[in-house]
PDB file of N, CA and C in Angstrom:
ATOM      1  N   ASN A   1       6.914 -16.303  -2.369  1.00  0.00           N
ATOM      2  CA  ASN A   1       6.720 -16.150  -0.955  1.00  0.00           C
ATOM      3  C   ASN A   1       5.411 -15.389  -0.724  1.00  0.00           C
ATOM      4  N   GLY A   2       4.515 -16.016  -0.008  1.00  0.00           N
ATOM      5  CA  GLY A   2       3.196 -15.441   0.231  1.00  0.00           C
ATOM      6  C   GLY A   2       3.223 -14.153   1.035  1.00  0.00           C
ATOM      7  N   LEU A   3       4.119 -14.065   2.018  1.00  0.00           N
ATOM      8  CA  LEU A   3       4.191 -12.853   2.843  1.00  0.00           C
ATOM      9  C   LEU A   3       4.644 -11.644   2.027  1.00  0.00           C
ATOM     10  N   ALA A   4       5.630 -11.853   1.184  1.00  0.00           N
ATOM     11  CA  ALA A   4       6.121 -10.756   0.342  1.00  0.00           C
ATOM     12  C   ALA A   4       5.048 -10.326  -0.650  1.00  0.00           C
ATOM     13  N   GLU A   5       4.339 -11.285  -1.235  1.00  0.00           N
ATOM     14  CA  GLU A   5       3.279 -10.952  -2.179  1.00  0.00           C
ATOM     15  C   GLU A   5       2.154 -10.188  -1.491  1.00  0.00           C
ATOM     16  N   ARG A   6       1.835 -10.561  -0.267  1.00  0.00           N
ATOM     17  CA  ARG A   6       0.780  -9.871   0.495  1.00  0.00           C
ATOM     18  C   ARG A   6       1.189  -8.420   0.774  1.00  0.00           C
ATOM     19  N   LEU A   7       2.437  -8.213   1.201  1.00  0.00           N
ATOM     20  CA  LEU A   7       2.925  -6.868   1.498  1.00  0.00           C
ATOM     21  C   LEU A   7       2.962  -6.004   0.240  1.00  0.00           C
ATOM     22  N   ILE A   8       3.474  -6.547  -0.842  1.00  0.00           N
ATOM     23  CA  ILE A   8       3.543  -5.793  -2.096  1.00  0.00           C
ATOM     24  C   ILE A   8       2.132  -5.446  -2.587  1.00  0.00           C
ATOM     25  N   GLY A   9       1.201  -6.379  -2.438  1.00  0.00           N
ATOM     26  CA  GLY A   9      -0.184  -6.105  -2.823  1.00  0.00           C
ATOM     27  C   GLY A   9      -0.797  -5.000  -1.977  1.00  0.00           C
ATOM     28  N   SER A  10      -0.524  -5.017  -0.671  1.00  0.00           N
ATOM     29  CA  SER A  10      -1.038  -3.964   0.212  1.00  0.00           C
ATOM     30  C   SER A  10      -0.455  -2.609  -0.165  1.00  0.00           C
ATOM     31  N   ILE A  11       0.828  -2.564  -0.441  1.00  0.00           N
ATOM     32  CA  ILE A  11       1.471  -1.308  -0.841  1.00  0.00           C
ATOM     33  C   ILE A  11       0.840  -0.788  -2.127  1.00  0.00           C
ATOM     34  N   ARG A  12       0.639  -1.660  -3.071  1.00  0.00           N
ATOM     35  CA  ARG A  12       0.057  -1.237  -4.348  1.00  0.00           C
ATOM     36  C   ARG A  12      -1.386  -0.776  -4.182  1.00  0.00           C
ATOM     37  N   ARG A  13      -2.233  -1.598  -3.530  1.00  0.00           N
ATOM     38  CA  ARG A  13      -3.659  -1.272  -3.400  1.00  0.00           C
ATOM     39  C   ARG A  13      -3.913  -0.053  -2.513  1.00  0.00           C
ATOM     40  N   GLU A  14      -3.215   0.039  -1.381  1.00  0.00           N
ATOM     41  CA  GLU A  14      -3.514   1.083  -0.404  1.00  0.00           C
ATOM     42  C   GLU A  14      -2.708   2.355  -0.609  1.00  0.00           C
ATOM     43  N   CYS A  15      -1.695   2.321  -1.478  1.00  0.00           N
ATOM     44  CA  CYS A  15      -0.821   3.485  -1.603  1.00  0.00           C
ATOM     45  C   CYS A  15      -0.581   3.868  -3.066  1.00  0.00           C
ATOM     46  N   LEU A  16       0.127   3.043  -3.790  1.00  0.00           N
ATOM     47  CA  LEU A  16       0.613   3.435  -5.116  1.00  0.00           C
ATOM     48  C   LEU A  16      -0.470   3.542  -6.177  1.00  0.00           C
ATOM     49  N   ASP A  17      -1.602   2.852  -6.002  1.00  0.00           N
ATOM     50  CA  ASP A  17      -2.694   2.984  -6.967  1.00  0.00           C
ATOM     51  C   ASP A  17      -3.363   4.355  -6.883  1.00  0.00           C
ATOM     52  N   HIS A  18      -3.082   5.119  -5.825  1.00  0.00           N
ATOM     53  CA  HIS A  18      -3.755   6.397  -5.596  1.00  0.00           C
ATOM     54  C   HIS A  18      -2.827   7.603  -5.695  1.00  0.00           C
ATOM     55  N   ILE A  19      -1.556   7.372  -6.000  1.00  0.00           N
ATOM     56  CA  ILE A  19      -0.563   8.452  -6.009  1.00  0.00           C
ATOM     57  C   ILE A  19       0.174   8.444  -7.345  1.00  0.00           C
ATOM     58  N   ILE A  20       0.402   9.616  -7.897  1.00  0.00           N
ATOM     59  CA  ILE A  20       1.252   9.739  -9.081  1.00  0.00           C
ATOM     60  C   ILE A  20       2.671   9.979  -8.588  1.00  0.00           C
ATOM     61  N   VAL A  21       3.559   9.051  -8.881  1.00  0.00           N
ATOM     62  CA  VAL A  21       4.949   9.137  -8.430  1.00  0.00           C
ATOM     63  C   VAL A  21       5.725  10.023  -9.398  1.00  0.00           C
ATOM     64  N   LEU A  22       6.446  10.997  -8.849  1.00  0.00           N
ATOM     65  CA  LEU A  22       7.148  11.987  -9.664  1.00  0.00           C
ATOM     66  C   LEU A  22       8.644  11.736  -9.796  1.00  0.00           C
ATOM     67  N   GLY A  23       9.123  10.610  -9.340  1.00  0.00           N
ATOM     68  CA  GLY A  23      10.538  10.286  -9.460  1.00  0.00           C
ATOM     69  C   GLY A  23      10.968   9.367  -8.332  1.00  0.00           C
ATOM     70  N   GLU A  24      12.224   8.944  -8.373  1.00  0.00           N
ATOM     71  CA  GLU A  24      12.735   7.996  -7.388  1.00  0.00           C
ATOM     72  C   GLU A  24      12.719   8.561  -5.976  1.00  0.00           C
ATOM     73  N   VAL A  25      13.132   9.810  -5.816  1.00  0.00           N
ATOM     74  CA  VAL A  25      13.161  10.424  -4.486  1.00  0.00           C
ATOM     75  C   VAL A  25      11.745  10.517  -3.917  1.00  0.00           C
ATOM     76  N   HIS A  26      10.792  10.905  -4.752  1.00  0.00           N
ATOM     77  CA  HIS A  26       9.401  10.987  -4.320  1.00  0.00           C
ATOM     78  C   HIS A  26       8.876   9.604  -3.943  1.00  0.00           C
ATOM     79  N   LEU A  27       9.182   8.590  -4.746  1.00  0.00           N
ATOM     80  CA  LEU A  27       8.749   7.224  -4.462  1.00  0.00           C
ATOM     81  C   LEU A  27       9.305   6.753  -3.129  1.00  0.00           C
ATOM     82  N   ARG A  28      10.581   7.009  -2.870  1.00  0.00           N
ATOM     83  CA  ARG A  28      11.185   6.599  -1.593  1.00  0.00           C
ATOM     84  C   ARG A  28      10.496   7.284  -0.411  1.00  0.00           C
ATOM     85  N   ARG A  29      10.180   8.566  -0.550  1.00  0.00           N
ATOM     86  CA  ARG A  29       9.519   9.308   0.523  1.00  0.00           C
ATOM     87  C   ARG A  29       8.106   8.758   0.758  1.00  0.00           C
ATOM     88  N   VAL A  30       7.376   8.477  -0.320  1.00  0.00           N
ATOM     89  CA  VAL A  30       6.030   7.914  -0.199  1.00  0.00           C
ATOM     90  C   VAL A  30       6.087   6.540   0.462  1.00  0.00           C
ATOM     91  N   LEU A  31       7.010   5.696   0.030  1.00  0.00           N
ATOM     92  CA  LEU A  31       7.110   4.358   0.609  1.00  0.00           C
ATOM     93  C   LEU A  31       7.522   4.399   2.076  1.00  0.00           C
ATOM     94  N   GLN A  32       8.393   5.336   2.457  1.00  0.00           N
ATOM     95  CA  GLN A  32       8.782   5.472   3.863  1.00  0.00           C
ATOM     96  C   GLN A  32       7.591   5.925   4.698  1.00  0.00           C
ATOM     97  N   SER A  33       6.819   6.872   4.189  1.00  0.00           N
ATOM     98  CA  SER A  33       5.620   7.321   4.905  1.00  0.00           C
ATOM     99  C   SER A  33       4.620   6.184   5.051  1.00  0.00           C
ATOM    100  N   TYR A  34       4.439   5.393   3.997  1.00  0.00           N
ATOM    101  CA  TYR A  34       3.510   4.270   4.065  1.00  0.00           C
ATOM    102  C   TYR A  34       4.021   3.209   5.042  1.00  0.00           C
ATOM    103  N   ALA A  35       5.320   2.957   5.055  1.00  0.00           N
ATOM    104  CA  ALA A  35       5.883   1.975   5.989  1.00  0.00           C
ATOM    105  C   ALA A  35       5.659   2.407   7.430  1.00  0.00           C
ATOM    106  N   ASP A  36       5.840   3.688   7.717  1.00  0.00           N
ATOM    107  CA  ASP A  36       5.578   4.194   9.070  1.00  0.00           C
ATOM    108  C   ASP A  36       4.103   4.012   9.425  1.00  0.00           C
ATOM    109  N   TYR A  37       3.220   4.351   8.498  1.00  0.00           N
ATOM    110  CA  TYR A  37       1.781   4.164   8.712  1.00  0.00           C
ATOM    111  C   TYR A  37       1.456   2.688   8.933  1.00  0.00           C
ATOM    112  N   TYR A  38       2.006   1.807   8.116  1.00  0.00           N
ATOM    113  CA  TYR A  38       1.726   0.374   8.170  1.00  0.00           C
ATOM    114  C   TYR A  38       2.161  -0.219   9.506  1.00  0.00           C
ATOM    115  N   ASP A  39       3.324   0.220  10.027  1.00  0.00           N
ATOM    116  CA  ASP A  39       3.863  -0.347  11.260  1.00  0.00           C
ATOM    117  C   ASP A  39       3.298   0.293  12.524  1.00  0.00           C
ATOM    118  N   ARG A  40       2.930   1.564  12.468  1.00  0.00           N
ATOM    119  CA  ARG A  40       2.565   2.277  13.691  1.00  0.00           C
ATOM    120  C   ARG A  40       1.075   2.573  13.842  1.00  0.00           C
ATOM    121  N   VAL A  41       0.331   2.637  12.748  1.00  0.00           N
ATOM    122  CA  VAL A  41      -1.059   3.099  12.821  1.00  0.00           C
ATOM    123  C   VAL A  41      -2.047   2.065  12.308  1.00  0.00           C
ATOM    124  N   ARG A  42      -1.781   1.494  11.140  1.00  0.00           N
ATOM    125  CA  ARG A  42      -2.743   0.620  10.469  1.00  0.00           C
ATOM    126  C   ARG A  42      -3.034  -0.612  11.311  1.00  0.00           C
ATOM    127  N   THR A  43      -4.333  -0.926  11.440  1.00  0.00           N
ATOM    128  CA  THR A  43      -4.703  -2.110  12.214  1.00  0.00           C
ATOM    129  C   THR A  43      -4.504  -3.361  11.366  1.00  0.00           C
ATOM    130  N   HIS A  44      -4.165  -4.448  12.041  1.00  0.00           N
ATOM    131  CA  HIS A  44      -3.942  -5.736  11.394  1.00  0.00           C
ATOM    132  C   HIS A  44      -4.863  -6.764  12.041  1.00  0.00           C
ATOM    133  N   ARG A  45      -5.629  -7.452  11.246  1.00  0.00           N
ATOM    134  CA  ARG A  45      -6.572  -8.433  11.784  1.00  0.00           C
ATOM    135  C   ARG A  45      -5.854  -9.549  12.527  1.00  0.00           C
ATOM    136  N   SER A  46      -4.692  -9.965  12.049  1.00  0.00           N
ATOM    137  CA  SER A  46      -3.968 -11.059  12.694  1.00  0.00           C
ATOM    138  C   SER A  46      -3.408 -10.659  14.058  1.00  0.00           C
ATOM    139  N   LEU A  47      -3.334  -9.355  14.336  1.00  0.00           N
ATOM    140  CA  LEU A  47      -2.836  -8.864  15.631  1.00  0.00           C
ATOM    141  C   LEU A  47      -3.986  -8.380  16.499  1.00  0.00           C
ATOM    142  N   ASP A  48      -5.189  -8.907  16.276  1.00  0.00           N
ATOM    143  CA  ASP A  48      -6.377  -8.528  17.030  1.00  0.00           C
ATOM    144  C   ASP A  48      -6.640  -7.032  16.917  1.00  0.00           C
ATOM    145  N   LYS A  49      -6.550  -6.534  15.689  1.00  0.00           N
ATOM    146  CA  LYS A  49      -6.797  -5.127  15.338  1.00  0.00           C
ATOM    147  C   LYS A  49      -5.856  -4.159  16.055  1.00  0.00           C
ATOM    148  N   ASP A  50      -4.607  -4.563  16.209  1.00  0.00           N
ATOM    149  CA  ASP A  50      -3.568  -3.686  16.746  1.00  0.00           C
ATOM    150  C   ASP A  50      -2.520  -3.500  15.651  1.00  0.00           C
ATOM    151  N   ALA A  51      -1.644  -2.537  15.844  1.00  0.00           N
ATOM    152  CA  ALA A  51      -0.547  -2.304  14.899  1.00  0.00           C
ATOM    153  C   ALA A  51       0.663  -3.121  15.346  1.00  0.00           C
ATOM    154  N   PRO A  52       1.605  -3.420  14.433  1.00  0.00           N
ATOM    155  CA  PRO A  52       2.814  -4.158  14.828  1.00  0.00           C
ATOM    156  C   PRO A  52       3.583  -3.473  15.962  1.00  0.00           C
ATOM    157  N   VAL A  53       3.639  -2.152  15.945  1.00  0.00           N
ATOM    158  CA  VAL A  53       4.202  -1.406  17.073  1.00  0.00           C
ATOM    159  C   VAL A  53       3.008  -1.070  17.956  1.00  0.00           C
ATOM    160  N   SER A  54       2.850  -1.824  19.040  1.00  0.00           N
ATOM    161  CA  SER A  54       1.668  -1.689  19.883  1.00  0.00           C
ATOM    162  C   SER A  54       1.550  -0.285  20.461  1.00  0.00           C
ATOM    163  N   ARG A  55       0.315   0.121  20.710  1.00  0.00           N
ATOM    164  CA  ARG A  55       0.060   1.445  21.272  1.00  0.00           C
ATOM    165  C   ARG A  55      -0.959   1.308  22.395  1.00  0.00           C
ATOM    166  N   PRO A  56      -0.958   2.250  23.347  1.00  0.00           N
ATOM    167  CA  PRO A  56      -1.896   2.142  24.463  1.00  0.00           C
ATOM    168  C   PRO A  56      -3.336   2.423  24.025  1.00  0.00           C
ATOM    169  N   VAL A  57      -4.276   1.856  24.754  1.00  0.00           N
ATOM    170  CA  VAL A  57      -5.694   2.094  24.489  1.00  0.00           C
ATOM    171  C   VAL A  57      -6.049   3.469  25.035  1.00  0.00           C
ATOM    172  N   GLN A  58      -6.736   4.256  24.231  1.00  0.00           N
ATOM    173  CA  GLN A  58      -7.156   5.594  24.640  1.00  0.00           C
ATOM    174  C   GLN A  58      -8.640   5.530  24.984  1.00  0.00           C
ATOM    175  N   ARG A  59      -8.979   5.811  26.223  1.00  0.00           N
ATOM    176  CA  ARG A  59     -10.351   5.613  26.701  1.00  0.00           C
ATOM    177  C   ARG A  59     -11.308   6.739  26.327  1.00  0.00           C
ATOM    178  N   THR A  60     -11.187   7.892  26.962  1.00  0.00           N
ATOM    179  CA  THR A  60     -12.167   8.947  26.734  1.00  0.00           C
ATOM    180  C   THR A  60     -11.484  10.274  26.445  1.00  0.00           C
ATOM    181  N   ALA A  61     -11.972  10.955  25.473  1.00  0.00           N
ATOM    182  CA  ALA A  61     -11.536  12.302  25.089  1.00  0.00           C
ATOM    183  C   ALA A  61     -12.149  12.604  23.726  1.00  0.00           C
ATOM    184  N   SER A  62     -11.923  13.805  23.238  1.00  0.00           N
ATOM    185  CA  SER A  62     -12.419  14.123  21.900  1.00  0.00           C
ATOM    186  C   SER A  62     -11.502  13.496  20.852  1.00  0.00           C
ATOM    187  N   ILE A  63     -12.060  13.169  19.702  1.00  0.00           N
ATOM    188  CA  ILE A  63     -11.313  12.476  18.649  1.00  0.00           C
ATOM    189  C   ILE A  63     -10.776  13.496  17.660  1.00  0.00           C
ATOM    190  N   LYS A  64      -9.510  13.342  17.306  1.00  0.00           N
ATOM    191  CA  LYS A  64      -8.832  14.223  16.346  1.00  0.00           C
ATOM    192  C   LYS A  64      -8.291  13.362  15.206  1.00  0.00           C
ATOM    193  N   SER A  65      -8.395  13.864  13.985  1.00  0.00           N
ATOM    194  CA  SER A  65      -7.921  13.146  12.801  1.00  0.00           C
ATOM    195  C   SER A  65      -6.623  13.771  12.305  1.00  0.00           C
ATOM    196  N   PHE A  66      -5.647  12.927  11.992  1.00  0.00           N
ATOM    197  CA  PHE A  66      -4.380  13.377  11.423  1.00  0.00           C
ATOM    198  C   PHE A  66      -4.195  12.715  10.058  1.00  0.00           C
ATOM    199  N   PRO A  67      -4.057  13.511   8.986  1.00  0.00           N
ATOM    200  CA  PRO A  67      -3.888  12.924   7.650  1.00  0.00           C
ATOM    201  C   PRO A  67      -2.512  12.284   7.480  1.00  0.00           C
ATOM    202  N   ILE A  68      -2.494  11.179   6.760  1.00  0.00           N
ATOM    203  CA  ILE A  68      -1.263  10.472   6.425  1.00  0.00           C
ATOM    204  C   ILE A  68      -1.218  10.366   4.912  1.00  0.00           C
ATOM    205  N   LEU A  69      -0.051  10.576   4.328  1.00  0.00           N
ATOM    206  CA  LEU A  69       0.114  10.568   2.878  1.00  0.00           C
ATOM    207  C   LEU A  69      -0.834  11.574   2.235  1.00  0.00           C
ATOM    208  N   ARG A  70      -0.833  12.778   2.782  1.00  0.00           N
ATOM    209  CA  ARG A  70      -1.643  13.900   2.286  1.00  0.00           C
ATOM    210  C   ARG A  70      -3.130  13.587   2.226  1.00  0.00           C
ATOM    211  N   GLY A  71      -3.617  12.821   3.213  1.00  0.00           N
ATOM    212  CA  GLY A  71      -5.037  12.539   3.320  1.00  0.00           C
ATOM    213  C   GLY A  71      -5.482  11.230   2.717  1.00  0.00           C
ATOM    214  N   LEU A  72      -4.578  10.450   2.156  1.00  0.00           N
ATOM    215  CA  LEU A  72      -4.944   9.146   1.601  1.00  0.00           C
ATOM    216  C   LEU A  72      -5.437   8.230   2.725  1.00  0.00           C
ATOM    217  N   HIS A  73      -4.789   8.305   3.872  1.00  0.00           N
ATOM    218  CA  HIS A  73      -5.186   7.574   5.069  1.00  0.00           C
ATOM    219  C   HIS A  73      -5.249   8.572   6.223  1.00  0.00           C
ATOM    220  N   HIS A  74      -5.892   8.185   7.302  1.00  0.00           N
ATOM    221  CA  HIS A  74      -5.983   9.056   8.477  1.00  0.00           C
ATOM    222  C   HIS A  74      -5.675   8.252   9.748  1.00  0.00           C
ATOM    223  N   HIS A  75      -5.141   8.959  10.718  1.00  0.00           N
ATOM    224  CA  HIS A  75      -4.891   8.377  12.036  1.00  0.00           C
ATOM    225  C   HIS A  75      -5.789   9.131  13.010  1.00  0.00           C
ATOM    226  N   TYR A  76      -6.650   8.425  13.702  1.00  0.00           N
ATOM    227  CA  TYR A  76      -7.578   9.024  14.640  1.00  0.00           C
ATOM    228  C   TYR A  76      -7.086   8.761  16.056  1.00  0.00           C
ATOM    229  N   VAL A  77      -6.975   9.831  16.848  1.00  0.00           N
ATOM    230  CA  VAL A  77      -6.531   9.701  18.236  1.00  0.00           C
ATOM    231  C   VAL A  77      -7.470  10.489  19.130  1.00  0.00           C
ATOM    232  N   ARG A  78      -7.494  10.103  20.381  1.00  0.00           N
ATOM    233  CA  ARG A  78      -8.272  10.842  21.383  1.00  0.00           C
ATOM    234  C   ARG A  78      -7.329  11.800  22.092  1.00  0.00           C
ATOM    235  N   LEU A  79      -7.719  13.052  22.148  1.00  0.00           N
ATOM    236  CA  LEU A  79      -6.915  14.080  22.812  1.00  0.00           C
ATOM    237  C   LEU A  79      -7.642  14.631  24.018  1.00  0.00           C
TER     238      LEU A  79
END
């Protein structure tokens, strides 16, 4: 299945290739954090650079960075 292979590849390339997993509980926590990032923050080209859980457009304000997965990825928002 192409969709499953694409998702597994994204998880491996964007997450697990950069983290040393310390056990099953740690792996589950990392994967849950990545799933939240993937669904709520990460842009998807097929969704016109929006996330699967749509969010409002932020027009003007200062930009703040929030680390995800201890800084592996970041979420930038206007405050």
